[in-house]
Amino acid sequence: MAKNVLGTDLELCSAAPLTGFYRDGCCNTGADDQGLHLVCAEMTREFLEFSRRRGNDLSTPNPAYGFPGLQPGDRWCLCVLRWKEALAAGVAPRVVLEATHISTLEFVDLADLRNAVRG
């Protein structure tokens, strides 16, 4: 079982909408996950707009891929570098530490993740 940033078993991020690179509800990763979908985050209007402006519209449904579109409050496995970029811009969404993959710590300090929990 994969571990989270706290060193315990990785927990479910979201089953509705179903998230994760492997669409297993968890922020699991592997060699084919080029985007490193590691950070379990709770979407905000500010982050969704930020992501759209950066070329990744997470709000608009895409039925061809079974993607319902995200709303504020939804949990989603984000690419770690996009979350880090949002942190620098002051719009990083809250993080669910128990559901954020331990590999996130290769890119982001635990202190920054903990601060994002408090929002």
PDB file of N, CA and C in Angstrom:
ATOM      1  N   MET A   1       0.845  -1.184   0.000  1.00  0.00           N
ATOM      2  CA  MET A   1       0.000   0.000   0.000  1.00  0.00           C
ATOM      3  C   MET A   1       0.885   1.240   0.000  1.00  0.00           C
ATOM      4  N   ALA A   2       0.478   2.228  -0.786  1.00  0.00           N
ATOM      5  CA  ALA A   2       1.207   3.494  -0.850  1.00  0.00           C
ATOM      6  C   ALA A   2       1.056   4.252   0.466  1.00  0.00           C
ATOM      7  N   LYS A   3       2.000   5.140   0.719  1.00  0.00           N
ATOM      8  CA  LYS A   3       1.992   5.950   1.943  1.00  0.00           C
ATOM      9  C   LYS A   3       1.636   7.408   1.604  1.00  0.00           C
ATOM     10  N   ASN A   4       1.135   8.097   2.621  1.00  0.00           N
ATOM     11  CA  ASN A   4       0.838   9.519   2.464  1.00  0.00           C
ATOM     12  C   ASN A   4       1.977  10.346   3.046  1.00  0.00           C
ATOM     13  N   VAL A   5       1.853  11.670   2.995  1.00  0.00           N
ATOM     14  CA  VAL A   5       2.914  12.565   3.464  1.00  0.00           C
ATOM     15  C   VAL A   5       3.141  12.479   4.967  1.00  0.00           C
ATOM     16  N   LEU A   6       2.234  11.852   5.688  1.00  0.00           N
ATOM     17  CA  LEU A   6       2.379  11.666   7.133  1.00  0.00           C
ATOM     18  C   LEU A   6       3.045  10.333   7.468  1.00  0.00           C
ATOM     19  N   GLY A   7       3.286   9.503   6.431  1.00  0.00           N
ATOM     20  CA  GLY A   7       3.928   8.212   6.615  1.00  0.00           C
ATOM     21  C   GLY A   7       2.977   7.079   6.922  1.00  0.00           C
ATOM     22  N   THR A   8       1.668   7.340   6.873  1.00  0.00           N
ATOM     23  CA  THR A   8       0.672   6.296   7.105  1.00  0.00           C
ATOM     24  C   THR A   8       0.081   5.876   5.756  1.00  0.00           C
ATOM     25  N   ASP A   9      -0.811   4.886   5.775  1.00  0.00           N
ATOM     26  CA  ASP A   9      -1.398   4.404   4.523  1.00  0.00           C
ATOM     27  C   ASP A   9      -2.159   5.514   3.811  1.00  0.00           C
ATOM     28  N   LEU A  10      -1.983   5.578   2.493  1.00  0.00           N
ATOM     29  CA  LEU A  10      -2.662   6.560   1.660  1.00  0.00           C
ATOM     30  C   LEU A  10      -4.165   6.330   1.709  1.00  0.00           C
ATOM     31  N   GLU A  11      -4.917   7.365   2.032  1.00  0.00           N
ATOM     32  CA  GLU A  11      -6.371   7.260   2.136  1.00  0.00           C
ATOM     33  C   GLU A  11      -7.049   7.723   0.853  1.00  0.00           C
ATOM     34  N   LEU A  12      -8.317   7.394   0.741  1.00  0.00           N
ATOM     35  CA  LEU A  12      -9.140   7.796  -0.391  1.00  0.00           C
ATOM     36  C   LEU A  12      -9.208   9.320  -0.477  1.00  0.00           C
ATOM     37  N   CYS A  13      -9.063   9.845  -1.677  1.00  0.00           N
ATOM     38  CA  CYS A  13      -9.216  11.289  -1.894  1.00  0.00           C
ATOM     39  C   CYS A  13     -10.669  11.584  -2.261  1.00  0.00           C
ATOM     40  N   SER A  14     -11.190  10.908  -3.295  1.00  0.00           N
ATOM     41  CA  SER A  14     -12.585  11.118  -3.680  1.00  0.00           C
ATOM     42  C   SER A  14     -13.083  10.000  -4.587  1.00  0.00           C
ATOM     43  N   ALA A  15     -14.285   9.533  -4.275  1.00  0.00           N
ATOM     44  CA  ALA A  15     -14.971   8.564  -5.136  1.00  0.00           C
ATOM     45  C   ALA A  15     -16.062   9.256  -5.950  1.00  0.00           C
ATOM     46  N   ALA A  16     -16.442  10.464  -5.555  1.00  0.00           N
ATOM     47  CA  ALA A  16     -17.479  11.221  -6.269  1.00  0.00           C
ATOM     48  C   ALA A  16     -17.135  12.709  -6.193  1.00  0.00           C
ATOM     49  N   PRO A  17     -16.492  13.265  -7.217  1.00  0.00           N
ATOM     50  CA  PRO A  17     -16.110  12.590  -8.462  1.00  0.00           C
ATOM     51  C   PRO A  17     -14.922  11.650  -8.250  1.00  0.00           C
ATOM     52  N   LEU A  18     -14.887  10.619  -9.087  1.00  0.00           N
ATOM     53  CA  LEU A  18     -13.820   9.630  -9.001  1.00  0.00           C
ATOM     54  C   LEU A  18     -12.523  10.242  -9.510  1.00  0.00           C
ATOM     55  N   THR A  19     -11.531  10.293  -8.653  1.00  0.00           N
ATOM     56  CA  THR A  19     -10.275  10.962  -8.978  1.00  0.00           C
ATOM     57  C   THR A  19      -9.108   9.993  -9.020  1.00  0.00           C
ATOM     58  N   GLY A  20      -7.939  10.538  -9.231  1.00  0.00           N
ATOM     59  CA  GLY A  20      -6.700   9.770  -9.279  1.00  0.00           C
ATOM     60  C   GLY A  20      -6.299   9.479 -10.707  1.00  0.00           C
ATOM     61  N   PHE A  21      -5.009   9.447 -10.953  1.00  0.00           N
ATOM     62  CA  PHE A  21      -4.506   9.145 -12.293  1.00  0.00           C
ATOM     63  C   PHE A  21      -5.082   7.821 -12.783  1.00  0.00           C
ATOM     64  N   TYR A  22      -5.214   6.858 -11.877  1.00  0.00           N
ATOM     65  CA  TYR A  22      -5.747   5.548 -12.232  1.00  0.00           C
ATOM     66  C   TYR A  22      -7.251   5.441 -12.012  1.00  0.00           C
ATOM     67  N   ARG A  23      -7.887   6.545 -11.669  1.00  0.00           N
ATOM     68  CA  ARG A  23      -9.326   6.608 -11.371  1.00  0.00           C
ATOM     69  C   ARG A  23      -9.720   5.520 -10.379  1.00  0.00           C
ATOM     70  N   ASP A  24      -8.922   5.457  -9.298  1.00  0.00           N
ATOM     71  CA  ASP A  24      -9.198   4.531  -8.212  1.00  0.00           C
ATOM     72  C   ASP A  24      -9.590   5.264  -6.937  1.00  0.00           C
ATOM     73  N   GLY A  25      -9.760   6.587  -7.042  1.00  0.00           N
ATOM     74  CA  GLY A  25     -10.155   7.386  -5.897  1.00  0.00           C
ATOM     75  C   GLY A  25      -8.998   7.870  -5.044  1.00  0.00           C
ATOM     76  N   CYS A  26      -7.797   7.353  -5.321  1.00  0.00           N
ATOM     77  CA  CYS A  26      -6.607   7.702  -4.546  1.00  0.00           C
ATOM     78  C   CYS A  26      -5.580   8.405  -5.423  1.00  0.00           C
ATOM     79  N   CYS A  27      -4.696   9.156  -4.773  1.00  0.00           N
ATOM     80  CA  CYS A  27      -3.636   9.864  -5.494  1.00  0.00           C
ATOM     81  C   CYS A  27      -2.417   8.961  -5.664  1.00  0.00           C
ATOM     82  N   ASN A  28      -2.669   7.751  -6.172  1.00  0.00           N
ATOM     83  CA  ASN A  28      -1.601   6.808  -6.476  1.00  0.00           C
ATOM     84  C   ASN A  28      -0.844   7.287  -7.702  1.00  0.00           C
ATOM     85  N   THR A  29       0.383   6.836  -7.840  1.00  0.00           N
ATOM     86  CA  THR A  29       1.199   7.228  -8.981  1.00  0.00           C
ATOM     87  C   THR A  29       1.998   6.036  -9.459  1.00  0.00           C
ATOM     88  N   GLY A  30       2.555   6.173 -10.638  1.00  0.00           N
ATOM     89  CA  GLY A  30       3.378   5.135 -11.227  1.00  0.00           C
ATOM     90  C   GLY A  30       4.163   5.727 -12.377  1.00  0.00           C
ATOM     91  N   ALA A  31       4.927   4.898 -13.044  1.00  0.00           N
ATOM     92  CA  ALA A  31       5.809   5.361 -14.116  1.00  0.00           C
ATOM     93  C   ALA A  31       5.063   6.062 -15.251  1.00  0.00           C
ATOM     94  N   ASP A  32       3.811   5.676 -15.487  1.00  0.00           N
ATOM     95  CA  ASP A  32       3.054   6.280 -16.586  1.00  0.00           C
ATOM     96  C   ASP A  32       2.329   7.569 -16.188  1.00  0.00           C
ATOM     97  N   ASP A  33       2.422   7.982 -14.933  1.00  0.00           N
ATOM     98  CA  ASP A  33       1.789   9.215 -14.456  1.00  0.00           C
ATOM     99  C   ASP A  33       2.773  10.374 -14.639  1.00  0.00           C
ATOM    100  N   GLN A  34       2.850  10.862 -15.868  1.00  0.00           N
ATOM    101  CA  GLN A  34       3.792  11.929 -16.204  1.00  0.00           C
ATOM    102  C   GLN A  34       3.505  13.228 -15.461  1.00  0.00           C
ATOM    103  N   GLY A  35       2.237  13.489 -15.142  1.00  0.00           N
ATOM    104  CA  GLY A  35       1.864  14.724 -14.459  1.00  0.00           C
ATOM    105  C   GLY A  35       2.022  14.679 -12.954  1.00  0.00           C
ATOM    106  N   LEU A  36       2.284  13.503 -12.407  1.00  0.00           N
ATOM    107  CA  LEU A  36       2.431  13.316 -10.963  1.00  0.00           C
ATOM    108  C   LEU A  36       1.231  13.859 -10.203  1.00  0.00           C
ATOM    109  N   HIS A  37       0.099  13.187 -10.344  1.00  0.00           N
ATOM    110  CA  HIS A  37      -1.171  13.543  -9.700  1.00  0.00           C
ATOM    111  C   HIS A  37      -1.147  13.079  -8.247  1.00  0.00           C
ATOM    112  N   LEU A  38      -0.430  13.817  -7.399  1.00  0.00           N
ATOM    113  CA  LEU A  38      -0.089  13.374  -6.058  1.00  0.00           C
ATOM    114  C   LEU A  38      -0.844  14.061  -4.933  1.00  0.00           C
ATOM    115  N   VAL A  39      -1.307  15.281  -5.165  1.00  0.00           N
ATOM    116  CA  VAL A  39      -1.856  16.122  -4.091  1.00  0.00           C
ATOM    117  C   VAL A  39      -3.376  16.037  -4.058  1.00  0.00           C
ATOM    118  N   CYS A  40      -3.919  15.540  -2.959  1.00  0.00           N
ATOM    119  CA  CYS A  40      -5.366  15.534  -2.776  1.00  0.00           C
ATOM    120  C   CYS A  40      -5.757  16.908  -2.243  1.00  0.00           C
ATOM    121  N   ALA A  41      -6.544  17.627  -3.036  1.00  0.00           N
ATOM    122  CA  ALA A  41      -6.906  19.002  -2.676  1.00  0.00           C
ATOM    123  C   ALA A  41      -8.398  19.220  -2.820  1.00  0.00           C
ATOM    124  N   GLU A  42      -8.900  20.138  -2.009  1.00  0.00           N
ATOM    125  CA  GLU A  42     -10.302  20.537  -2.073  1.00  0.00           C
ATOM    126  C   GLU A  42     -10.398  21.781  -2.953  1.00  0.00           C
ATOM    127  N   MET A  43     -11.142  21.645  -4.031  1.00  0.00           N
ATOM    128  CA  MET A  43     -11.217  22.712  -5.020  1.00  0.00           C
ATOM    129  C   MET A  43     -11.850  23.988  -4.459  1.00  0.00           C
ATOM    130  N   THR A  44     -11.336  25.110  -4.947  1.00  0.00           N
ATOM    131  CA  THR A  44     -11.901  26.424  -4.647  1.00  0.00           C
ATOM    132  C   THR A  44     -12.164  27.135  -5.967  1.00  0.00           C
ATOM    133  N   ARG A  45     -13.028  28.097  -5.939  1.00  0.00           N
ATOM    134  CA  ARG A  45     -13.312  28.884  -7.141  1.00  0.00           C
ATOM    135  C   ARG A  45     -12.031  29.548  -7.646  1.00  0.00           C
ATOM    136  N   GLU A  46     -11.221  30.074  -6.718  1.00  0.00           N
ATOM    137  CA  GLU A  46      -9.981  30.759  -7.101  1.00  0.00           C
ATOM    138  C   GLU A  46      -9.000  29.810  -7.786  1.00  0.00           C
ATOM    139  N   PHE A  47      -8.861  28.603  -7.240  1.00  0.00           N
ATOM    140  CA  PHE A  47      -7.937  27.660  -7.861  1.00  0.00           C
ATOM    141  C   PHE A  47      -8.455  27.201  -9.217  1.00  0.00           C
ATOM    142  N   LEU A  48      -9.741  26.905  -9.317  1.00  0.00           N
ATOM    143  CA  LEU A  48     -10.294  26.451 -10.599  1.00  0.00           C
ATOM    144  C   LEU A  48     -10.096  27.503 -11.685  1.00  0.00           C
ATOM    145  N   GLU A  49     -10.252  28.763 -11.348  1.00  0.00           N
ATOM    146  CA  GLU A  49     -10.019  29.845 -12.309  1.00  0.00           C
ATOM    147  C   GLU A  49      -8.536  29.930 -12.652  1.00  0.00           C
ATOM    148  N   PHE A  50      -7.682  29.818 -11.659  1.00  0.00           N
ATOM    149  CA  PHE A  50      -6.230  29.830 -11.876  1.00  0.00           C
ATOM    150  C   PHE A  50      -5.832  28.712 -12.841  1.00  0.00           C
ATOM    151  N   SER A  51      -6.330  27.512 -12.597  1.00  0.00           N
ATOM    152  CA  SER A  51      -6.006  26.367 -13.446  1.00  0.00           C
ATOM    153  C   SER A  51      -6.515  26.577 -14.870  1.00  0.00           C
ATOM    154  N   ARG A  52      -7.720  27.122 -15.005  1.00  0.00           N
ATOM    155  CA  ARG A  52      -8.268  27.395 -16.340  1.00  0.00           C
ATOM    156  C   ARG A  52      -7.371  28.374 -17.092  1.00  0.00           C
ATOM    157  N   ARG A  53      -6.934  29.413 -16.405  1.00  0.00           N
ATOM    158  CA  ARG A  53      -6.053  30.412 -17.041  1.00  0.00           C
ATOM    159  C   ARG A  53      -4.710  29.808 -17.434  1.00  0.00           C
ATOM    160  N   ARG A  54      -4.307  28.751 -16.752  1.00  0.00           N
ATOM    161  CA  ARG A  54      -3.038  28.073 -17.058  1.00  0.00           C
ATOM    162  C   ARG A  54      -3.214  26.987 -18.130  1.00  0.00           C
ATOM    163  N   GLY A  55      -4.425  26.857 -18.668  1.00  0.00           N
ATOM    164  CA  GLY A  55      -4.646  25.917 -19.761  1.00  0.00           C
ATOM    165  C   GLY A  55      -5.235  24.577 -19.372  1.00  0.00           C
ATOM    166  N   ASN A  56      -5.628  24.419 -18.111  1.00  0.00           N
ATOM    167  CA  ASN A  56      -6.238  23.158 -17.676  1.00  0.00           C
ATOM    168  C   ASN A  56      -7.585  23.471 -17.031  1.00  0.00           C
ATOM    169  N   ASP A  57      -8.625  23.473 -17.843  1.00  0.00           N
ATOM    170  CA  ASP A  57      -9.979  23.790 -17.385  1.00  0.00           C
ATOM    171  C   ASP A  57     -10.567  22.575 -16.680  1.00  0.00           C
ATOM    172  N   LEU A  58     -10.591  22.631 -15.370  1.00  0.00           N
ATOM    173  CA  LEU A  58     -11.122  21.533 -14.573  1.00  0.00           C
ATOM    174  C   LEU A  58     -12.606  21.701 -14.258  1.00  0.00           C
ATOM    175  N   SER A  59     -13.183  22.832 -14.639  1.00  0.00           N
ATOM    176  CA  SER A  59     -14.587  23.112 -14.320  1.00  0.00           C
ATOM    177  C   SER A  59     -15.561  22.612 -15.383  1.00  0.00           C
ATOM    178  N   THR A  60     -15.125  22.559 -16.614  1.00  0.00           N
ATOM    179  CA  THR A  60     -16.009  22.194 -17.718  1.00  0.00           C
ATOM    180  C   THR A  60     -16.082  20.681 -17.879  1.00  0.00           C
ATOM    181  N   PRO A  61     -17.295  20.122 -17.870  1.00  0.00           N
ATOM    182  CA  PRO A  61     -17.437  18.675 -18.077  1.00  0.00           C
ATOM    183  C   PRO A  61     -16.886  18.239 -19.441  1.00  0.00           C
ATOM    184  N   ASN A  62     -16.336  17.038 -19.490  1.00  0.00           N
ATOM    185  CA  ASN A  62     -15.865  16.453 -20.740  1.00  0.00           C
ATOM    186  C   ASN A  62     -16.396  15.022 -20.783  1.00  0.00           C
ATOM    187  N   PRO A  63     -17.648  14.857 -21.261  1.00  0.00           N
ATOM    188  CA  PRO A  63     -18.294  13.537 -21.257  1.00  0.00           C
ATOM    189  C   PRO A  63     -17.514  12.457 -22.005  1.00  0.00           C
ATOM    190  N   ALA A  64     -16.767  12.832 -23.028  1.00  0.00           N
ATOM    191  CA  ALA A  64     -16.003  11.842 -23.799  1.00  0.00           C
ATOM    192  C   ALA A  64     -14.998  11.100 -22.919  1.00  0.00           C
ATOM    193  N   TYR A  65     -14.549  11.757 -21.855  1.00  0.00           N
ATOM    194  CA  TYR A  65     -13.597  11.140 -20.931  1.00  0.00           C
ATOM    195  C   TYR A  65     -14.237  10.792 -19.590  1.00  0.00           C
ATOM    196  N   GLY A  66     -15.554  10.910 -19.515  1.00  0.00           N
ATOM    197  CA  GLY A  66     -16.254  10.617 -18.274  1.00  0.00           C
ATOM    198  C   GLY A  66     -15.928  11.611 -17.168  1.00  0.00           C
ATOM    199  N   PHE A  67     -15.548  12.827 -17.578  1.00  0.00           N
ATOM    200  CA  PHE A  67     -15.161  13.857 -16.611  1.00  0.00           C
ATOM    201  C   PHE A  67     -16.334  14.791 -16.354  1.00  0.00           C
ATOM    202  N   PRO A  68     -16.812  14.856 -15.099  1.00  0.00           N
ATOM    203  CA  PRO A  68     -18.016  15.639 -14.797  1.00  0.00           C
ATOM    204  C   PRO A  68     -17.787  17.136 -14.659  1.00  0.00           C
ATOM    205  N   GLY A  69     -16.531  17.561 -14.605  1.00  0.00           N
ATOM    206  CA  GLY A  69     -16.238  18.964 -14.293  1.00  0.00           C
ATOM    207  C   GLY A  69     -16.262  19.126 -12.781  1.00  0.00           C
ATOM    208  N   LEU A  70     -15.352  19.925 -12.258  1.00  0.00           N
ATOM    209  CA  LEU A  70     -15.230  20.087 -10.815  1.00  0.00           C
ATOM    210  C   LEU A  70     -15.883  21.368 -10.335  1.00  0.00           C
ATOM    211  N   GLN A  71     -16.360  21.309  -9.110  1.00  0.00           N
ATOM    212  CA  GLN A  71     -16.991  22.446  -8.449  1.00  0.00           C
ATOM    213  C   GLN A  71     -16.219  22.745  -7.163  1.00  0.00           C
ATOM    214  N   PRO A  72     -16.313  23.967  -6.668  1.00  0.00           N
ATOM    215  CA  PRO A  72     -15.709  24.242  -5.366  1.00  0.00           C
ATOM    216  C   PRO A  72     -16.232  23.234  -4.330  1.00  0.00           C
ATOM    217  N   GLY A  73     -15.307  22.739  -3.516  1.00  0.00           N
ATOM    218  CA  GLY A  73     -15.656  21.734  -2.513  1.00  0.00           C
ATOM    219  C   GLY A  73     -15.324  20.314  -2.942  1.00  0.00           C
ATOM    220  N   ASP A  74     -15.234  20.052  -4.255  1.00  0.00           N
ATOM    221  CA  ASP A  74     -14.845  18.724  -4.728  1.00  0.00           C
ATOM    222  C   ASP A  74     -13.393  18.463  -4.366  1.00  0.00           C
ATOM    223  N   ARG A  75     -13.088  17.206  -4.080  1.00  0.00           N
ATOM    224  CA  ARG A  75     -11.699  16.794  -3.880  1.00  0.00           C
ATOM    225  C   ARG A  75     -11.177  16.203  -5.172  1.00  0.00           C
ATOM    226  N   TRP A  76      -9.885  16.464  -5.462  1.00  0.00           N
ATOM    227  CA  TRP A  76      -9.292  16.008  -6.715  1.00  0.00           C
ATOM    228  C   TRP A  76      -7.800  15.813  -6.530  1.00  0.00           C
ATOM    229  N   CYS A  77      -7.233  14.827  -7.205  1.00  0.00           N
ATOM    230  CA  CYS A  77      -5.785  14.604  -7.186  1.00  0.00           C
ATOM    231  C   CYS A  77      -5.134  15.535  -8.205  1.00  0.00           C
ATOM    232  N   LEU A  78      -4.429  16.519  -7.697  1.00  0.00           N
ATOM    233  CA  LEU A  78      -3.784  17.517  -8.550  1.00  0.00           C
ATOM    234  C   LEU A  78      -2.344  17.139  -8.860  1.00  0.00           C
ATOM    235  N   CYS A  79      -1.873  17.635  -9.999  1.00  0.00           N
ATOM    236  CA  CYS A  79      -0.454  17.523 -10.328  1.00  0.00           C
ATOM    237  C   CYS A  79       0.325  18.358  -9.313  1.00  0.00           C
ATOM    238  N   VAL A  80       1.350  17.769  -8.746  1.00  0.00           N
ATOM    239  CA  VAL A  80       2.090  18.420  -7.677  1.00  0.00           C
ATOM    240  C   VAL A  80       2.699  19.750  -8.115  1.00  0.00           C
ATOM    241  N   LEU A  81       3.188  19.841  -9.339  1.00  0.00           N
ATOM    242  CA  LEU A  81       3.795  21.099  -9.779  1.00  0.00           C
ATOM    243  C   LEU A  81       2.752  22.187 -10.002  1.00  0.00           C
ATOM    244  N   ARG A  82       1.528  21.813 -10.398  1.00  0.00           N
ATOM    245  CA  ARG A  82       0.460  22.821 -10.517  1.00  0.00           C
ATOM    246  C   ARG A  82       0.069  23.329  -9.131  1.00  0.00           C
ATOM    247  N   TRP A  83       0.006  22.412  -8.142  1.00  0.00           N
ATOM    248  CA  TRP A  83      -0.321  22.855  -6.784  1.00  0.00           C
ATOM    249  C   TRP A  83       0.770  23.795  -6.272  1.00  0.00           C
ATOM    250  N   LYS A  84       2.029  23.458  -6.536  1.00  0.00           N
ATOM    251  CA  LYS A  84       3.144  24.295  -6.097  1.00  0.00           C
ATOM    252  C   LYS A  84       3.086  25.663  -6.775  1.00  0.00           C
ATOM    253  N   GLU A  85       2.745  25.678  -8.045  1.00  0.00           N
ATOM    254  CA  GLU A  85       2.586  26.933  -8.788  1.00  0.00           C
ATOM    255  C   GLU A  85       1.460  27.770  -8.175  1.00  0.00           C
ATOM    256  N   ALA A  86       0.365  27.122  -7.829  1.00  0.00           N
ATOM    257  CA  ALA A  86      -0.762  27.819  -7.206  1.00  0.00           C
ATOM    258  C   ALA A  86      -0.377  28.353  -5.826  1.00  0.00           C
ATOM    259  N   LEU A  87       0.446  27.609  -5.103  1.00  0.00           N
ATOM    260  CA  LEU A  87       0.923  28.072  -3.803  1.00  0.00           C
ATOM    261  C   LEU A  87       1.698  29.374  -3.966  1.00  0.00           C
ATOM    262  N   ALA A  88       2.591  29.423  -4.927  1.00  0.00           N
ATOM    263  CA  ALA A  88       3.390  30.630  -5.178  1.00  0.00           C
ATOM    264  C   ALA A  88       2.511  31.805  -5.585  1.00  0.00           C
ATOM    265  N   ALA A  89       1.387  31.514  -6.241  1.00  0.00           N
ATOM    266  CA  ALA A  89       0.459  32.559  -6.689  1.00  0.00           C
ATOM    267  C   ALA A  89      -0.564  32.939  -5.623  1.00  0.00           C
ATOM    268  N   GLY A  90      -0.538  32.237  -4.491  1.00  0.00           N
ATOM    269  CA  GLY A  90      -1.463  32.540  -3.397  1.00  0.00           C
ATOM    270  C   GLY A  90      -2.861  31.990  -3.559  1.00  0.00           C
ATOM    271  N   VAL A  91      -3.025  30.982  -4.425  1.00  0.00           N
ATOM    272  CA  VAL A  91      -4.358  30.407  -4.655  1.00  0.00           C
ATOM    273  C   VAL A  91      -4.384  28.882  -4.492  1.00  0.00           C
ATOM    274  N   ALA A  92      -3.423  28.346  -3.759  1.00  0.00           N
ATOM    275  CA  ALA A  92      -3.389  26.886  -3.574  1.00  0.00           C
ATOM    276  C   ALA A  92      -4.611  26.431  -2.787  1.00  0.00           C
ATOM    277  N   PRO A  93      -5.276  25.387  -3.265  1.00  0.00           N
ATOM    278  CA  PRO A  93      -6.418  24.857  -2.515  1.00  0.00           C
ATOM    279  C   PRO A  93      -5.954  24.078  -1.292  1.00  0.00           C
ATOM    280  N   ARG A  94      -6.882  23.879  -0.351  1.00  0.00           N
ATOM    281  CA  ARG A  94      -6.575  23.105   0.853  1.00  0.00           C
ATOM    282  C   ARG A  94      -6.174  21.686   0.495  1.00  0.00           C
ATOM    283  N   VAL A  95      -5.281  21.138   1.301  1.00  0.00           N
ATOM    284  CA  VAL A  95      -4.741  19.803   1.077  1.00  0.00           C
ATOM    285  C   VAL A  95      -5.303  18.836   2.107  1.00  0.00           C
ATOM    286  N   VAL A  96      -5.566  17.615   1.672  1.00  0.00           N
ATOM    287  CA  VAL A  96      -5.954  16.523   2.568  1.00  0.00           C
ATOM    288  C   VAL A  96      -4.699  15.675   2.741  1.00  0.00           C
ATOM    289  N   LEU A  97      -3.990  15.889   3.850  1.00  0.00           N
ATOM    290  CA  LEU A  97      -2.687  15.246   4.061  1.00  0.00           C
ATOM    291  C   LEU A  97      -2.766  13.725   4.013  1.00  0.00           C
ATOM    292  N   GLU A  98      -3.795  13.156   4.612  1.00  0.00           N
ATOM    293  CA  GLU A  98      -3.926  11.692   4.681  1.00  0.00           C
ATOM    294  C   GLU A  98      -4.120  11.056   3.308  1.00  0.00           C
ATOM    295  N   ALA A  99      -4.541  11.858   2.329  1.00  0.00           N
ATOM    296  CA  ALA A  99      -4.798  11.348   0.986  1.00  0.00           C
ATOM    297  C   ALA A  99      -3.805  11.882  -0.045  1.00  0.00           C
ATOM    298  N   THR A 100      -2.751  12.574   0.423  1.00  0.00           N
ATOM    299  CA  THR A 100      -1.716  13.123  -0.461  1.00  0.00           C
ATOM    300  C   THR A 100      -0.504  12.192  -0.447  1.00  0.00           C
ATOM    301  N   HIS A 101      -0.102  11.747  -1.632  1.00  0.00           N
ATOM    302  CA  HIS A 101       0.967  10.748  -1.791  1.00  0.00           C
ATOM    303  C   HIS A 101       2.297  11.257  -1.231  1.00  0.00           C
ATOM    304  N   ILE A 102       3.034  10.364  -0.595  1.00  0.00           N
ATOM    305  CA  ILE A 102       4.309  10.714   0.027  1.00  0.00           C
ATOM    306  C   ILE A 102       5.318  11.297  -0.965  1.00  0.00           C
ATOM    307  N   SER A 103       5.227  10.936  -2.231  1.00  0.00           N
ATOM    308  CA  SER A 103       6.153  11.467  -3.232  1.00  0.00           C
ATOM    309  C   SER A 103       6.032  12.978  -3.396  1.00  0.00           C
ATOM    310  N   THR A 104       4.939  13.547  -2.911  1.00  0.00           N
ATOM    311  CA  THR A 104       4.770  15.003  -2.938  1.00  0.00           C
ATOM    312  C   THR A 104       5.933  15.694  -2.235  1.00  0.00           C
ATOM    313  N   LEU A 105       6.472  15.045  -1.208  1.00  0.00           N
ATOM    314  CA  LEU A 105       7.541  15.648  -0.407  1.00  0.00           C
ATOM    315  C   LEU A 105       8.843  15.810  -1.184  1.00  0.00           C
ATOM    316  N   GLU A 106       8.933  15.220  -2.369  1.00  0.00           N
ATOM    317  CA  GLU A 106      10.093  15.436  -3.236  1.00  0.00           C
ATOM    318  C   GLU A 106      10.036  16.819  -3.887  1.00  0.00           C
ATOM    319  N   PHE A 107       8.858  17.459  -3.843  1.00  0.00           N
ATOM    320  CA  PHE A 107       8.645  18.731  -4.535  1.00  0.00           C
ATOM    321  C   PHE A 107       8.195  19.864  -3.621  1.00  0.00           C
ATOM    322  N   VAL A 108       7.535  19.516  -2.513  1.00  0.00           N
ATOM    323  CA  VAL A 108       6.916  20.507  -1.632  1.00  0.00           C
ATOM    324  C   VAL A 108       7.259  20.173  -0.185  1.00  0.00           C
ATOM    325  N   ASP A 109       7.527  21.191   0.608  1.00  0.00           N
ATOM    326  CA  ASP A 109       7.803  20.982   2.033  1.00  0.00           C
ATOM    327  C   ASP A 109       6.527  20.613   2.772  1.00  0.00           C
ATOM    328  N   LEU A 110       6.671  19.716   3.756  1.00  0.00           N
ATOM    329  CA  LEU A 110       5.526  19.327   4.576  1.00  0.00           C
ATOM    330  C   LEU A 110       4.927  20.539   5.274  1.00  0.00           C
ATOM    331  N   ALA A 111       5.757  21.483   5.671  1.00  0.00           N
ATOM    332  CA  ALA A 111       5.252  22.694   6.342  1.00  0.00           C
ATOM    333  C   ALA A 111       4.294  23.463   5.429  1.00  0.00           C
ATOM    334  N   ASP A 112       4.610  23.556   4.136  1.00  0.00           N
ATOM    335  CA  ASP A 112       3.707  24.245   3.195  1.00  0.00           C
ATOM    336  C   ASP A 112       2.398  23.485   3.049  1.00  0.00           C
ATOM    337  N   LEU A 113       2.481  22.164   3.033  1.00  0.00           N
ATOM    338  CA  LEU A 113       1.256  21.361   2.948  1.00  0.00           C
ATOM    339  C   LEU A 113       0.403  21.537   4.202  1.00  0.00           C
ATOM    340  N   ARG A 114       1.048  21.508   5.353  1.00  0.00           N
ATOM    341  CA  ARG A 114       0.324  21.691   6.614  1.00  0.00           C
ATOM    342  C   ARG A 114      -0.349  23.069   6.667  1.00  0.00           C
ATOM    343  N   ASN A 115       0.336  24.093   6.191  1.00  0.00           N
ATOM    344  CA  ASN A 115      -0.260  25.434   6.159  1.00  0.00           C
ATOM    345  C   ASN A 115      -1.470  25.476   5.240  1.00  0.00           C
ATOM    346  N   ALA A 116      -1.431  24.687   4.176  1.00  0.00           N
ATOM    347  CA  ALA A 116      -2.546  24.653   3.244  1.00  0.00           C
ATOM    348  C   ALA A 116      -3.750  23.914   3.840  1.00  0.00           C
ATOM    349  N   VAL A 117      -3.533  23.095   4.832  1.00  0.00           N
ATOM    350  CA  VAL A 117      -4.636  22.412   5.508  1.00  0.00           C
ATOM    351  C   VAL A 117      -5.438  23.436   6.303  1.00  0.00           C
ATOM    352  N   ARG A 118      -4.731  24.331   6.930  1.00  0.00           N
ATOM    353  CA  ARG A 118      -5.381  25.362   7.754  1.00  0.00           C
ATOM    354  C   ARG A 118      -6.062  26.414   6.905  1.00  0.00           C
ATOM    355  N   GLY A 119      -5.546  26.590   5.685  1.00  0.00           N
ATOM    356  CA  GLY A 119      -6.133  27.538   4.751  1.00  0.00           C
ATOM    357  C   GLY A 119      -6.172  28.911   5.317  1.00  0.00           C
TER     358      GLY A 119
END
